[in-house]
Amino acid sequence: MRPRAILDIIKSGENFRISTTTRMPEQGTCGRCGYISSQKVCKACVLLDGLNRGLPKLGIGRTKVGAGADGQQRAKRSERNTSSLQGKHGNFDF
């Protein structure tokens, strides 16, 4: 490792400041299952809801829980993709 890289890391650590206005999320409980969560609905409930609605990627990445019409459009796209797979390659059961 280059000595200059070590000095750069030390300097950036010295210049690092933690904002005093940053708030940490408050610990609460999930509105559905009652488990500890900092959100209104815990991640497990969001993922389970996505599976039940046929949107397996709901809750993965930066998506919102209340997808509304957008979620319905994704479901339609998912159905189209599934039907195109069935037509081209036979029927796949996952």
N, C-alpha and C. Protein backbone atom coordinates (compact mmCIF):
# COMPACT_ATOMS: atom_id res chain seq x y z
N MET A 1 0.84 -1.17 0.00
CA MET A 1 0.00 0.00 0.00
C MET A 1 0.90 1.24 0.00
N ARG A 2 0.49 2.22 -0.76
CA ARG A 2 1.29 3.45 -0.85
C ARG A 2 1.19 4.25 0.45
N PRO A 3 2.28 4.82 0.92
CA PRO A 3 2.25 5.64 2.13
C PRO A 3 1.31 6.84 2.00
N ARG A 4 1.20 7.38 0.81
CA ARG A 4 0.31 8.53 0.59
C ARG A 4 -1.15 8.13 0.81
N ALA A 5 -1.50 6.91 0.44
CA ALA A 5 -2.87 6.43 0.64
C ALA A 5 -3.20 6.36 2.13
N ILE A 6 -2.24 5.92 2.93
CA ILE A 6 -2.45 5.84 4.38
C ILE A 6 -2.65 7.24 4.95
N LEU A 7 -1.84 8.19 4.51
CA LEU A 7 -1.98 9.57 4.98
C LEU A 7 -3.31 10.18 4.55
N ASP A 8 -3.77 9.85 3.34
CA ASP A 8 -5.06 10.36 2.87
C ASP A 8 -6.21 9.82 3.72
N ILE A 9 -6.12 8.56 4.12
CA ILE A 9 -7.16 7.97 4.97
C ILE A 9 -7.17 8.65 6.33
N ILE A 10 -6.00 8.89 6.90
CA ILE A 10 -5.92 9.55 8.20
C ILE A 10 -6.48 10.96 8.11
N LYS A 11 -6.13 11.69 7.05
CA LYS A 11 -6.61 13.06 6.90
C LYS A 11 -8.12 13.10 6.74
N SER A 12 -8.69 12.18 5.96
CA SER A 12 -10.14 12.18 5.78
C SER A 12 -10.84 11.84 7.09
N GLY A 13 -10.23 10.99 7.92
CA GLY A 13 -10.81 10.69 9.23
C GLY A 13 -10.78 11.88 10.16
N GLU A 14 -9.73 12.68 10.06
CA GLU A 14 -9.64 13.89 10.88
C GLU A 14 -10.67 14.93 10.45
N ASN A 15 -10.99 14.98 9.17
CA ASN A 15 -11.95 15.96 8.65
C ASN A 15 -13.39 15.49 8.78
N PHE A 16 -13.59 14.25 9.16
CA PHE A 16 -14.93 13.69 9.26
C PHE A 16 -15.67 14.31 10.43
N ARG A 17 -16.85 14.82 10.17
CA ARG A 17 -17.68 15.44 11.21
C ARG A 17 -19.06 14.78 11.19
N ILE A 18 -19.56 14.53 12.36
CA ILE A 18 -20.90 13.96 12.48
C ILE A 18 -21.86 15.12 12.71
N SER A 19 -22.90 15.18 11.91
CA SER A 19 -23.88 16.25 12.02
C SER A 19 -24.66 16.12 13.31
N THR A 20 -24.86 17.23 13.99
CA THR A 20 -25.63 17.21 15.24
C THR A 20 -27.12 17.23 14.97
N THR A 21 -27.53 17.54 13.75
CA THR A 21 -28.96 17.59 13.43
C THR A 21 -29.49 16.25 12.92
N THR A 22 -28.62 15.28 12.69
CA THR A 22 -29.05 13.98 12.20
C THR A 22 -29.75 13.23 13.32
N ARG A 23 -30.95 12.74 13.01
CA ARG A 23 -31.71 11.98 14.00
C ARG A 23 -31.67 10.50 13.66
N MET A 24 -31.54 9.69 14.67
CA MET A 24 -31.59 8.25 14.49
C MET A 24 -33.06 7.83 14.48
N PRO A 25 -33.42 6.79 13.70
CA PRO A 25 -34.82 6.35 13.68
C PRO A 25 -35.23 5.81 15.05
N GLU A 26 -36.46 6.11 15.41
CA GLU A 26 -36.97 5.64 16.70
C GLU A 26 -37.46 4.21 16.57
N GLN A 27 -37.20 3.43 17.60
CA GLN A 27 -37.61 2.03 17.61
C GLN A 27 -39.10 1.97 17.91
N GLY A 28 -39.84 1.26 17.08
CA GLY A 28 -41.27 1.08 17.28
C GLY A 28 -41.64 -0.37 17.03
N THR A 29 -42.88 -0.59 16.69
CA THR A 29 -43.34 -1.94 16.39
C THR A 29 -44.07 -1.94 15.05
N CYS A 30 -44.06 -3.09 14.41
CA CYS A 30 -44.74 -3.26 13.13
C CYS A 30 -46.25 -3.19 13.36
N GLY A 31 -46.95 -2.52 12.47
CA GLY A 31 -48.39 -2.40 12.58
C GLY A 31 -49.14 -3.68 12.28
N ARG A 32 -48.50 -4.64 11.62
CA ARG A 32 -49.17 -5.89 11.26
C ARG A 32 -48.85 -7.03 12.22
N CYS A 33 -47.55 -7.26 12.47
CA CYS A 33 -47.17 -8.42 13.28
C CYS A 33 -46.73 -8.06 14.69
N GLY A 34 -46.44 -6.77 14.94
CA GLY A 34 -46.05 -6.34 16.28
C GLY A 34 -44.58 -6.52 16.60
N TYR A 35 -43.78 -6.93 15.63
CA TYR A 35 -42.35 -7.13 15.86
C TYR A 35 -41.64 -5.77 15.88
N ILE A 36 -40.45 -5.72 16.46
CA ILE A 36 -39.69 -4.48 16.55
C ILE A 36 -39.33 -3.99 15.15
N SER A 37 -39.61 -2.71 14.87
CA SER A 37 -39.30 -2.13 13.57
C SER A 37 -39.20 -0.62 13.70
N SER A 38 -38.38 -0.02 12.87
CA SER A 38 -38.31 1.44 12.84
C SER A 38 -39.27 2.01 11.80
N GLN A 39 -39.93 1.16 11.05
CA GLN A 39 -40.90 1.57 10.05
C GLN A 39 -42.30 1.22 10.54
N LYS A 40 -43.34 1.69 9.81
CA LYS A 40 -44.71 1.36 10.19
C LYS A 40 -44.98 -0.13 9.98
N VAL A 41 -44.41 -0.68 8.91
CA VAL A 41 -44.55 -2.11 8.60
C VAL A 41 -43.15 -2.68 8.45
N CYS A 42 -42.86 -3.80 9.13
CA CYS A 42 -41.51 -4.38 9.10
C CYS A 42 -41.21 -4.98 7.73
N LYS A 43 -39.94 -5.21 7.48
CA LYS A 43 -39.48 -5.72 6.19
C LYS A 43 -40.06 -7.10 5.89
N ALA A 44 -40.19 -7.94 6.90
CA ALA A 44 -40.74 -9.28 6.69
C ALA A 44 -42.18 -9.20 6.20
N CYS A 45 -42.97 -8.30 6.77
CA CYS A 45 -44.36 -8.15 6.35
C CYS A 45 -44.44 -7.59 4.93
N VAL A 46 -43.54 -6.67 4.58
CA VAL A 46 -43.52 -6.11 3.23
C VAL A 46 -43.19 -7.21 2.22
N LEU A 47 -42.18 -8.03 2.52
CA LEU A 47 -41.81 -9.11 1.61
C LEU A 47 -42.93 -10.14 1.49
N LEU A 48 -43.56 -10.49 2.60
CA LEU A 48 -44.66 -11.45 2.58
C LEU A 48 -45.84 -10.90 1.79
N ASP A 49 -46.14 -9.62 1.96
CA ASP A 49 -47.22 -8.99 1.21
C ASP A 49 -46.92 -9.02 -0.29
N GLY A 50 -45.67 -8.77 -0.65
CA GLY A 50 -45.29 -8.83 -2.06
C GLY A 50 -45.46 -10.22 -2.64
N LEU A 51 -45.11 -11.24 -1.88
CA LEU A 51 -45.30 -12.62 -2.36
C LEU A 51 -46.78 -12.95 -2.51
N ASN A 52 -47.59 -12.52 -1.55
CA ASN A 52 -49.02 -12.80 -1.61
C ASN A 52 -49.70 -12.08 -2.78
N ARG A 53 -49.20 -10.90 -3.15
CA ARG A 53 -49.79 -10.14 -4.25
C ARG A 53 -49.19 -10.52 -5.60
N GLY A 54 -48.25 -11.44 -5.63
CA GLY A 54 -47.64 -11.85 -6.89
C GLY A 54 -46.55 -10.92 -7.36
N LEU A 55 -45.99 -10.14 -6.44
CA LEU A 55 -44.90 -9.21 -6.76
C LEU A 55 -43.70 -9.60 -5.92
N PRO A 56 -42.96 -10.64 -6.31
CA PRO A 56 -41.89 -11.16 -5.46
C PRO A 56 -40.76 -10.18 -5.20
N LYS A 57 -40.61 -9.15 -6.02
CA LYS A 57 -39.52 -8.19 -5.80
C LYS A 57 -39.97 -6.97 -5.00
N LEU A 58 -41.22 -6.96 -4.56
CA LEU A 58 -41.70 -5.86 -3.73
C LEU A 58 -40.99 -5.91 -2.39
N GLY A 59 -40.41 -4.81 -1.99
CA GLY A 59 -39.68 -4.76 -0.73
C GLY A 59 -38.21 -5.01 -0.87
N ILE A 60 -37.77 -5.34 -2.08
CA ILE A 60 -36.35 -5.53 -2.32
C ILE A 60 -35.87 -4.30 -3.08
N GLY A 61 -34.85 -3.68 -2.60
CA GLY A 61 -34.36 -2.46 -3.24
C GLY A 61 -35.06 -1.24 -2.69
N ARG A 62 -35.19 -0.22 -3.49
CA ARG A 62 -35.76 1.04 -3.03
C ARG A 62 -37.17 1.23 -3.57
N THR A 63 -38.08 0.33 -3.25
CA THR A 63 -39.46 0.47 -3.66
C THR A 63 -40.30 0.88 -2.47
N LYS A 64 -41.46 1.44 -2.74
CA LYS A 64 -42.37 1.86 -1.68
C LYS A 64 -43.38 0.76 -1.42
N VAL A 65 -43.89 0.70 -0.19
CA VAL A 65 -44.88 -0.31 0.17
C VAL A 65 -46.18 -0.05 -0.56
N GLY A 66 -46.67 1.17 -0.52
CA GLY A 66 -47.93 1.52 -1.16
C GLY A 66 -47.73 1.81 -2.63
N ALA A 67 -47.46 0.80 -3.42
CA ALA A 67 -47.15 1.00 -4.83
C ALA A 67 -48.39 1.43 -5.61
N GLY A 68 -49.58 1.04 -5.17
CA GLY A 68 -50.82 1.46 -5.82
C GLY A 68 -50.89 1.01 -7.26
N ALA A 69 -51.16 1.96 -8.16
CA ALA A 69 -51.30 1.65 -9.58
C ALA A 69 -50.00 1.14 -10.16
N ASP A 70 -48.89 1.65 -9.67
CA ASP A 70 -47.59 1.20 -10.16
C ASP A 70 -47.39 -0.29 -9.88
N GLY A 71 -47.82 -0.73 -8.71
CA GLY A 71 -47.72 -2.14 -8.36
C GLY A 71 -48.60 -3.00 -9.26
N GLN A 72 -49.78 -2.46 -9.62
CA GLN A 72 -50.67 -3.19 -10.51
C GLN A 72 -50.06 -3.29 -11.90
N GLN A 73 -49.38 -2.22 -12.35
CA GLN A 73 -48.73 -2.27 -13.65
C GLN A 73 -47.61 -3.30 -13.65
N ARG A 74 -46.86 -3.36 -12.54
CA ARG A 74 -45.79 -4.36 -12.45
C ARG A 74 -46.37 -5.77 -12.49
N ALA A 75 -47.51 -5.97 -11.83
CA ALA A 75 -48.13 -7.29 -11.83
C ALA A 75 -48.55 -7.67 -13.25
N LYS A 76 -49.10 -6.70 -14.00
CA LYS A 76 -49.50 -6.99 -15.38
C LYS A 76 -48.28 -7.34 -16.23
N ARG A 77 -47.18 -6.58 -16.04
CA ARG A 77 -45.95 -6.88 -16.78
C ARG A 77 -45.44 -8.26 -16.43
N SER A 78 -45.53 -8.61 -15.15
CA SER A 78 -45.07 -9.92 -14.71
C SER A 78 -45.89 -11.02 -15.35
N GLU A 79 -47.22 -10.81 -15.45
CA GLU A 79 -48.09 -11.80 -16.08
C GLU A 79 -47.73 -11.94 -17.57
N ARG A 80 -47.46 -10.80 -18.24
CA ARG A 80 -47.09 -10.86 -19.65
C ARG A 80 -45.79 -11.62 -19.84
N ASN A 81 -44.82 -11.36 -18.97
CA ASN A 81 -43.54 -12.05 -19.08
C ASN A 81 -43.71 -13.55 -18.85
N THR A 82 -44.56 -13.92 -17.90
CA THR A 82 -44.81 -15.33 -17.63
C THR A 82 -45.48 -15.99 -18.82
N SER A 83 -46.49 -15.32 -19.42
CA SER A 83 -47.19 -15.92 -20.55
C SER A 83 -46.27 -16.03 -21.76
N SER A 84 -45.36 -15.05 -21.95
CA SER A 84 -44.44 -15.16 -23.08
C SER A 84 -43.45 -16.30 -22.87
N LEU A 85 -43.07 -16.56 -21.63
CA LEU A 85 -42.19 -17.70 -21.36
C LEU A 85 -42.90 -19.01 -21.64
N GLN A 86 -44.18 -19.07 -21.28
CA GLN A 86 -44.93 -20.30 -21.51
C GLN A 86 -45.08 -20.56 -23.00
N GLY A 87 -45.33 -19.51 -23.78
CA GLY A 87 -45.52 -19.68 -25.21
C GLY A 87 -44.26 -20.11 -25.93
N LYS A 88 -43.13 -19.55 -25.58
CA LYS A 88 -41.89 -19.84 -26.28
C LYS A 88 -41.23 -21.13 -25.83
N HIS A 89 -41.33 -21.43 -24.55
CA HIS A 89 -40.54 -22.53 -24.00
C HIS A 89 -41.37 -23.59 -23.29
N GLY A 90 -42.62 -23.65 -23.55
CA GLY A 90 -43.46 -24.61 -22.84
C GLY A 90 -43.94 -24.03 -21.53
N ASN A 91 -44.51 -24.85 -20.69
CA ASN A 91 -45.06 -24.38 -19.43
C ASN A 91 -44.08 -24.65 -18.30
N PHE A 92 -43.62 -23.60 -17.65
CA PHE A 92 -42.72 -23.74 -16.51
C PHE A 92 -43.49 -23.51 -15.23
N ASP A 93 -43.38 -24.43 -14.30
CA ASP A 93 -43.97 -24.26 -12.98
C ASP A 93 -42.85 -24.01 -11.99
N PHE A 94 -42.87 -22.84 -11.38
CA PHE A 94 -41.83 -22.49 -10.42
C PHE A 94 -42.33 -22.72 -9.03
